[in-house]
Amino acid sequence: MRLGENQKAVLKLLEKEGIVENLGNTYRGLAKSAKQTTNATILNFAEKVRAIYPNATLELGKKGGIGTATLKIR
């Protein structure tokens, strides 16, 4: 499985902390072009994390948003 720069950065943070809150906002903050980062891109990243860590969970934000979603591996 191949990961891009943004995905590697968020995965490194996730492995260090065990959790990434505000997943979409964090991902877009690290991206070179936040406008080109779609929700589908972030969901695709979450699926890649689940392939690496089968127990990973993705909890959407209060209004079902990706921006405030939480991704946990522990």
PDB file of N, CA and C in Angstrom:
ATOM      1  N   MET A   1       0.841  -1.166   0.000  1.00  0.00           N
ATOM      2  CA  MET A   1       0.000   0.000   0.000  1.00  0.00           C
ATOM      3  C   MET A   1       0.894   1.240   0.000  1.00  0.00           C
ATOM      4  N   ARG A   2       0.558   2.150  -0.864  1.00  0.00           N
ATOM      5  CA  ARG A   2       1.361   3.365  -0.999  1.00  0.00           C
ATOM      6  C   ARG A   2       0.645   4.545  -0.350  1.00  0.00           C
ATOM      7  N   LEU A   3       1.372   5.296   0.449  1.00  0.00           N
ATOM      8  CA  LEU A   3       0.810   6.464   1.120  1.00  0.00           C
ATOM      9  C   LEU A   3       1.474   7.731   0.593  1.00  0.00           C
ATOM     10  N   GLY A   4       0.678   8.786   0.461  1.00  0.00           N
ATOM     11  CA  GLY A   4       1.203  10.076   0.040  1.00  0.00           C
ATOM     12  C   GLY A   4       1.829  10.816   1.210  1.00  0.00           C
ATOM     13  N   GLU A   5       2.370  11.994   0.925  1.00  0.00           N
ATOM     14  CA  GLU A   5       3.036  12.794   1.962  1.00  0.00           C
ATOM     15  C   GLU A   5       2.102  13.131   3.112  1.00  0.00           C
ATOM     16  N   ASN A   6       0.909  13.621   2.780  1.00  0.00           N
ATOM     17  CA  ASN A   6      -0.053  14.002   3.812  1.00  0.00           C
ATOM     18  C   ASN A   6      -0.455  12.797   4.648  1.00  0.00           C
ATOM     19  N   GLN A   7      -0.689  11.687   3.970  1.00  0.00           N
ATOM     20  CA  GLN A   7      -1.100  10.475   4.665  1.00  0.00           C
ATOM     21  C   GLN A   7      -0.005   9.982   5.595  1.00  0.00           C
ATOM     22  N   LYS A   8       1.234  10.044   5.157  1.00  0.00           N
ATOM     23  CA  LYS A   8       2.352   9.632   6.009  1.00  0.00           C
ATOM     24  C   LYS A   8       2.449  10.512   7.249  1.00  0.00           C
ATOM     25  N   ALA A   9       2.250  11.820   7.063  1.00  0.00           N
ATOM     26  CA  ALA A   9       2.343  12.754   8.189  1.00  0.00           C
ATOM     27  C   ALA A   9       1.237  12.497   9.209  1.00  0.00           C
ATOM     28  N   VAL A  10       0.016  12.286   8.728  1.00  0.00           N
ATOM     29  CA  VAL A  10      -1.102  12.037   9.645  1.00  0.00           C
ATOM     30  C   VAL A  10      -0.942  10.669  10.300  1.00  0.00           C
ATOM     31  N   LEU A  11      -0.482   9.672   9.555  1.00  0.00           N
ATOM     32  CA  LEU A  11      -0.265   8.340  10.124  1.00  0.00           C
ATOM     33  C   LEU A  11       0.813   8.385  11.206  1.00  0.00           C
ATOM     34  N   LYS A  12       1.859   9.149  10.985  1.00  0.00           N
ATOM     35  CA  LYS A  12       2.921   9.290  11.989  1.00  0.00           C
ATOM     36  C   LYS A  12       2.358   9.901  13.270  1.00  0.00           C
ATOM     37  N   LEU A  13       1.538  10.931  13.121  1.00  0.00           N
ATOM     38  CA  LEU A  13       0.882  11.560  14.267  1.00  0.00           C
ATOM     39  C   LEU A  13      -0.046  10.567  14.965  1.00  0.00           C
ATOM     40  N   LEU A  14      -0.779   9.804  14.176  1.00  0.00           N
ATOM     41  CA  LEU A  14      -1.705   8.810  14.719  1.00  0.00           C
ATOM     42  C   LEU A  14      -0.963   7.724  15.491  1.00  0.00           C
ATOM     43  N   GLU A  15       0.145   7.252  14.950  1.00  0.00           N
ATOM     44  CA  GLU A  15       0.929   6.217  15.629  1.00  0.00           C
ATOM     45  C   GLU A  15       1.546   6.746  16.921  1.00  0.00           C
ATOM     46  N   LYS A  16       1.919   8.006  16.930  1.00  0.00           N
ATOM     47  CA  LYS A  16       2.517   8.608  18.121  1.00  0.00           C
ATOM     48  C   LYS A  16       1.480   8.823  19.217  1.00  0.00           C
ATOM     49  N   GLU A  17       0.339   9.388  18.850  1.00  0.00           N
ATOM     50  CA  GLU A  17      -0.691   9.757  19.822  1.00  0.00           C
ATOM     51  C   GLU A  17      -1.737   8.664  20.049  1.00  0.00           C
ATOM     52  N   GLY A  18      -1.958   7.817  19.050  1.00  0.00           N
ATOM     53  CA  GLY A  18      -2.996   6.795  19.148  1.00  0.00           C
ATOM     54  C   GLY A  18      -4.366   7.299  18.735  1.00  0.00           C
ATOM     55  N   ILE A  19      -4.489   8.618  18.557  1.00  0.00           N
ATOM     56  CA  ILE A  19      -5.766   9.229  18.197  1.00  0.00           C
ATOM     57  C   ILE A  19      -5.494  10.534  17.445  1.00  0.00           C
ATOM     58  N   VAL A  20      -6.326  10.810  16.455  1.00  0.00           N
ATOM     59  CA  VAL A  20      -6.283  12.104  15.775  1.00  0.00           C
ATOM     60  C   VAL A  20      -7.692  12.670  15.821  1.00  0.00           C
ATOM     61  N   GLU A  21      -7.849  13.743  16.582  1.00  0.00           N
ATOM     62  CA  GLU A  21      -9.140  14.423  16.636  1.00  0.00           C
ATOM     63  C   GLU A  21      -9.167  15.468  15.534  1.00  0.00           C
ATOM     64  N   ASN A  22     -10.352  15.830  15.097  1.00  0.00           N
ATOM     65  CA  ASN A  22     -10.501  16.786  13.990  1.00  0.00           C
ATOM     66  C   ASN A  22      -9.699  16.309  12.781  1.00  0.00           C
ATOM     67  N   LEU A  23      -9.946  15.068  12.390  1.00  0.00           N
ATOM     68  CA  LEU A  23      -9.171  14.418  11.333  1.00  0.00           C
ATOM     69  C   LEU A  23      -9.120  15.243  10.053  1.00  0.00           C
ATOM     70  N   GLY A  24     -10.263  15.672   9.570  1.00  0.00           N
ATOM     71  CA  GLY A  24     -10.296  16.429   8.321  1.00  0.00           C
ATOM     72  C   GLY A  24      -9.534  17.734   8.419  1.00  0.00           C
ATOM     73  N   ASN A  25      -9.725  18.444   9.513  1.00  0.00           N
ATOM     74  CA  ASN A  25      -9.028  19.717   9.705  1.00  0.00           C
ATOM     75  C   ASN A  25      -7.521  19.503   9.823  1.00  0.00           C
ATOM     76  N   THR A  26      -7.116  18.442  10.519  1.00  0.00           N
ATOM     77  CA  THR A  26      -5.692  18.122  10.662  1.00  0.00           C
ATOM     78  C   THR A  26      -5.093  17.759   9.311  1.00  0.00           C
ATOM     79  N   TYR A  27      -5.787  16.902   8.571  1.00  0.00           N
ATOM     80  CA  TYR A  27      -5.313  16.449   7.257  1.00  0.00           C
ATOM     81  C   TYR A  27      -5.170  17.636   6.311  1.00  0.00           C
ATOM     82  N   ARG A  28      -6.192  18.481   6.278  1.00  0.00           N
ATOM     83  CA  ARG A  28      -6.155  19.652   5.392  1.00  0.00           C
ATOM     84  C   ARG A  28      -5.093  20.659   5.832  1.00  0.00           C
ATOM     85  N   GLY A  29      -4.850  20.739   7.135  1.00  0.00           N
ATOM     86  CA  GLY A  29      -3.819  21.640   7.639  1.00  0.00           C
ATOM     87  C   GLY A  29      -2.426  21.235   7.195  1.00  0.00           C
ATOM     88  N   LEU A  30      -2.205  19.942   7.029  1.00  0.00           N
ATOM     89  CA  LEU A  30      -0.903  19.438   6.590  1.00  0.00           C
ATOM     90  C   LEU A  30      -0.765  19.425   5.072  1.00  0.00           C
ATOM     91  N   ALA A  31      -1.894  19.510   4.371  1.00  0.00           N
ATOM     92  CA  ALA A  31      -1.890  19.423   2.908  1.00  0.00           C
ATOM     93  C   ALA A  31      -1.315  20.688   2.279  1.00  0.00           C
ATOM     94  N   LYS A  32      -0.664  20.507   1.152  1.00  0.00           N
ATOM     95  CA  LYS A  32      -0.142  21.653   0.416  1.00  0.00           C
ATOM     96  C   LYS A  32      -1.288  22.435  -0.218  1.00  0.00           C
ATOM     97  N   SER A  33      -2.327  21.723  -0.625  1.00  0.00           N
ATOM     98  CA  SER A  33      -3.491  22.361  -1.228  1.00  0.00           C
ATOM     99  C   SER A  33      -4.744  21.850  -0.530  1.00  0.00           C
ATOM    100  N   ALA A  34      -5.177  22.575   0.478  1.00  0.00           N
ATOM    101  CA  ALA A  34      -6.339  22.147   1.256  1.00  0.00           C
ATOM    102  C   ALA A  34      -7.600  22.109   0.404  1.00  0.00           C
ATOM    103  N   LYS A  35      -7.682  22.945  -0.620  1.00  0.00           N
ATOM    104  CA  LYS A  35      -8.870  22.984  -1.481  1.00  0.00           C
ATOM    105  C   LYS A  35      -9.026  21.705  -2.287  1.00  0.00           C
ATOM    106  N   GLN A  36      -7.919  21.047  -2.601  1.00  0.00           N
ATOM    107  CA  GLN A  36      -7.978  19.823  -3.395  1.00  0.00           C
ATOM    108  C   GLN A  36      -8.156  18.577  -2.533  1.00  0.00           C
ATOM    109  N   THR A  37      -8.166  18.741  -1.235  1.00  0.00           N
ATOM    110  CA  THR A  37      -8.354  17.614  -0.327  1.00  0.00           C
ATOM    111  C   THR A  37      -9.846  17.446  -0.075  1.00  0.00           C
ATOM    112  N   THR A  38     -10.417  16.386  -0.630  1.00  0.00           N
ATOM    113  CA  THR A  38     -11.851  16.147  -0.500  1.00  0.00           C
ATOM    114  C   THR A  38     -12.139  15.204   0.660  1.00  0.00           C
ATOM    115  N   ASN A  39     -13.405  15.144   1.036  1.00  0.00           N
ATOM    116  CA  ASN A  39     -13.811  14.198   2.081  1.00  0.00           C
ATOM    117  C   ASN A  39     -13.520  12.770   1.641  1.00  0.00           C
ATOM    118  N   ALA A  40     -13.691  12.492   0.353  1.00  0.00           N
ATOM    119  CA  ALA A  40     -13.415  11.150  -0.167  1.00  0.00           C
ATOM    120  C   ALA A  40     -11.943  10.788   0.024  1.00  0.00           C
ATOM    121  N   THR A  41     -11.063  11.752  -0.150  1.00  0.00           N
ATOM    122  CA  THR A  41      -9.626  11.526   0.053  1.00  0.00           C
ATOM    123  C   THR A  41      -9.348  11.138   1.497  1.00  0.00           C
ATOM    124  N   ILE A  42      -9.996  11.829   2.413  1.00  0.00           N
ATOM    125  CA  ILE A  42      -9.784  11.570   3.839  1.00  0.00           C
ATOM    126  C   ILE A  42     -10.385  10.223   4.231  1.00  0.00           C
ATOM    127  N   LEU A  43     -11.554   9.891   3.693  1.00  0.00           N
ATOM    128  CA  LEU A  43     -12.161   8.579   3.967  1.00  0.00           C
ATOM    129  C   LEU A  43     -11.300   7.459   3.396  1.00  0.00           C
ATOM    130  N   ASN A  44     -10.704   7.684   2.237  1.00  0.00           N
ATOM    131  CA  ASN A  44      -9.796   6.707   1.641  1.00  0.00           C
ATOM    132  C   ASN A  44      -8.598   6.472   2.562  1.00  0.00           C
ATOM    133  N   PHE A  45      -8.079   7.544   3.140  1.00  0.00           N
ATOM    134  CA  PHE A  45      -6.979   7.424   4.098  1.00  0.00           C
ATOM    135  C   PHE A  45      -7.412   6.595   5.305  1.00  0.00           C
ATOM    136  N   ALA A  46      -8.617   6.843   5.810  1.00  0.00           N
ATOM    137  CA  ALA A  46      -9.118   6.087   6.965  1.00  0.00           C
ATOM    138  C   ALA A  46      -9.206   4.599   6.637  1.00  0.00           C
ATOM    139  N   GLU A  47      -9.596   4.268   5.415  1.00  0.00           N
ATOM    140  CA  GLU A  47      -9.659   2.859   4.999  1.00  0.00           C
ATOM    141  C   GLU A  47      -8.259   2.244   4.949  1.00  0.00           C
ATOM    142  N   LYS A  48      -7.285   3.012   4.509  1.00  0.00           N
ATOM    143  CA  LYS A  48      -5.901   2.515   4.483  1.00  0.00           C
ATOM    144  C   LYS A  48      -5.398   2.266   5.901  1.00  0.00           C
ATOM    145  N   VAL A  49      -5.777   3.143   6.824  1.00  0.00           N
ATOM    146  CA  VAL A  49      -5.390   2.957   8.225  1.00  0.00           C
ATOM    147  C   VAL A  49      -6.038   1.690   8.770  1.00  0.00           C
ATOM    148  N   ARG A  50      -7.294   1.449   8.412  1.00  0.00           N
ATOM    149  CA  ARG A  50      -7.983   0.230   8.865  1.00  0.00           C
ATOM    150  C   ARG A  50      -7.317  -1.024   8.317  1.00  0.00           C
ATOM    151  N   ALA A  51      -6.736  -0.931   7.129  1.00  0.00           N
ATOM    152  CA  ALA A  51      -6.027  -2.079   6.560  1.00  0.00           C
ATOM    153  C   ALA A  51      -4.761  -2.377   7.366  1.00  0.00           C
ATOM    154  N   ILE A  52      -4.112  -1.326   7.867  1.00  0.00           N
ATOM    155  CA  ILE A  52      -2.896  -1.491   8.665  1.00  0.00           C
ATOM    156  C   ILE A  52      -3.237  -1.863  10.104  1.00  0.00           C
ATOM    157  N   TYR A  53      -4.233  -1.182  10.666  1.00  0.00           N
ATOM    158  CA  TYR A  53      -4.684  -1.399  12.046  1.00  0.00           C
ATOM    159  C   TYR A  53      -6.156  -1.822  12.017  1.00  0.00           C
ATOM    160  N   PRO A  54      -6.433  -3.123  11.978  1.00  0.00           N
ATOM    161  CA  PRO A  54      -7.820  -3.604  11.862  1.00  0.00           C
ATOM    162  C   PRO A  54      -8.767  -3.107  12.959  1.00  0.00           C
ATOM    163  N   ASN A  55      -8.243  -2.747  14.116  1.00  0.00           N
ATOM    164  CA  ASN A  55      -9.101  -2.274  15.209  1.00  0.00           C
ATOM    165  C   ASN A  55      -9.320  -0.765  15.177  1.00  0.00           C
ATOM    166  N   ALA A  56      -8.847  -0.094  14.149  1.00  0.00           N
ATOM    167  CA  ALA A  56      -9.004   1.362  14.040  1.00  0.00           C
ATOM    168  C   ALA A  56     -10.483   1.720  13.919  1.00  0.00           C
ATOM    169  N   THR A  57     -10.857   2.835  14.543  1.00  0.00           N
ATOM    170  CA  THR A  57     -12.242   3.297  14.475  1.00  0.00           C
ATOM    171  C   THR A  57     -12.283   4.742  14.000  1.00  0.00           C
ATOM    172  N   LEU A  58     -13.314   5.044  13.222  1.00  0.00           N
ATOM    173  CA  LEU A  58     -13.543   6.397  12.737  1.00  0.00           C
ATOM    174  C   LEU A  58     -14.897   6.842  13.260  1.00  0.00           C
ATOM    175  N   GLU A  59     -14.892   7.906  14.046  1.00  0.00           N
ATOM    176  CA  GLU A  59     -16.129   8.473  14.583  1.00  0.00           C
ATOM    177  C   GLU A  59     -16.330   9.828  13.928  1.00  0.00           C
ATOM    178  N   LEU A  60     -17.433   9.973  13.208  1.00  0.00           N
ATOM    179  CA  LEU A  60     -17.713  11.238  12.543  1.00  0.00           C
ATOM    180  C   LEU A  60     -18.046  12.310  13.562  1.00  0.00           C
ATOM    181  N   GLY A  61     -17.884  13.562  13.158  1.00  0.00           N
ATOM    182  CA  GLY A  61     -18.172  14.687  14.041  1.00  0.00           C
ATOM    183  C   GLY A  61     -19.648  14.780  14.377  1.00  0.00           C
ATOM    184  N   LYS A  62     -20.012  15.760  15.198  1.00  0.00           N
ATOM    185  CA  LYS A  62     -21.379  15.905  15.685  1.00  0.00           C
ATOM    186  C   LYS A  62     -22.409  15.962  14.566  1.00  0.00           C
ATOM    187  N   LYS A  63     -22.100  16.652  13.504  1.00  0.00           N
ATOM    188  CA  LYS A  63     -23.041  16.783  12.390  1.00  0.00           C
ATOM    189  C   LYS A  63     -22.697  15.824  11.256  1.00  0.00           C
ATOM    190  N   GLY A  64     -21.957  14.787  11.560  1.00  0.00           N
ATOM    191  CA  GLY A  64     -21.583  13.802  10.551  1.00  0.00           C
ATOM    192  C   GLY A  64     -20.444  14.263   9.661  1.00  0.00           C
ATOM    193  N   GLY A  65     -19.717  15.271  10.108  1.00  0.00           N
ATOM    194  CA  GLY A  65     -18.654  15.841   9.292  1.00  0.00           C
ATOM    195  C   GLY A  65     -17.316  15.150   9.451  1.00  0.00           C
ATOM    196  N   ILE A  66     -16.552  15.202   8.385  1.00  0.00           N
ATOM    197  CA  ILE A  66     -15.205  14.636   8.391  1.00  0.00           C
ATOM    198  C   ILE A  66     -14.231  15.582   9.089  1.00  0.00           C
ATOM    199  N   GLY A  67     -14.478  16.874   8.984  1.00  0.00           N
ATOM    200  CA  GLY A  67     -13.576  17.865   9.574  1.00  0.00           C
ATOM    201  C   GLY A  67     -13.355  17.654  11.054  1.00  0.00           C
ATOM    202  N   THR A  68     -14.415  17.266  11.760  1.00  0.00           N
ATOM    203  CA  THR A  68     -14.323  17.078  13.209  1.00  0.00           C
ATOM    204  C   THR A  68     -14.346  15.608  13.610  1.00  0.00           C
ATOM    205  N   ALA A  69     -14.106  14.726  12.655  1.00  0.00           N
ATOM    206  CA  ALA A  69     -14.096  13.290  12.935  1.00  0.00           C
ATOM    207  C   ALA A  69     -12.879  12.919  13.783  1.00  0.00           C
ATOM    208  N   THR A  70     -12.985  11.783  14.468  1.00  0.00           N
ATOM    209  CA  THR A  70     -11.900  11.273  15.301  1.00  0.00           C
ATOM    210  C   THR A  70     -11.493   9.897  14.788  1.00  0.00           C
ATOM    211  N   LEU A  71     -10.204   9.703  14.583  1.00  0.00           N
ATOM    212  CA  LEU A  71      -9.662   8.422  14.144  1.00  0.00           C
ATOM    213  C   LEU A  71      -8.787   7.880  15.262  1.00  0.00           C
ATOM    214  N   LYS A  72      -9.092   6.650  15.708  1.00  0.00           N
ATOM    215  CA  LYS A  72      -8.353   6.024  16.810  1.00  0.00           C
ATOM    216  C   LYS A  72      -7.769   4.697  16.349  1.00  0.00           C
ATOM    217  N   ILE A  73      -6.573   4.392  16.837  1.00  0.00           N
ATOM    218  CA  ILE A  73      -5.996   3.072  16.564  1.00  0.00           C
ATOM    219  C   ILE A  73      -5.800   2.275  17.839  1.00  0.00           C
ATOM    220  N   ARG A  74      -5.988   2.883  18.981  1.00  0.00           N
ATOM    221  CA  ARG A  74      -5.844   2.176  20.264  1.00  0.00           C
ATOM    222  C   ARG A  74      -7.133   2.234  21.029  1.00  0.00           C
TER     223      ARG A  74
END
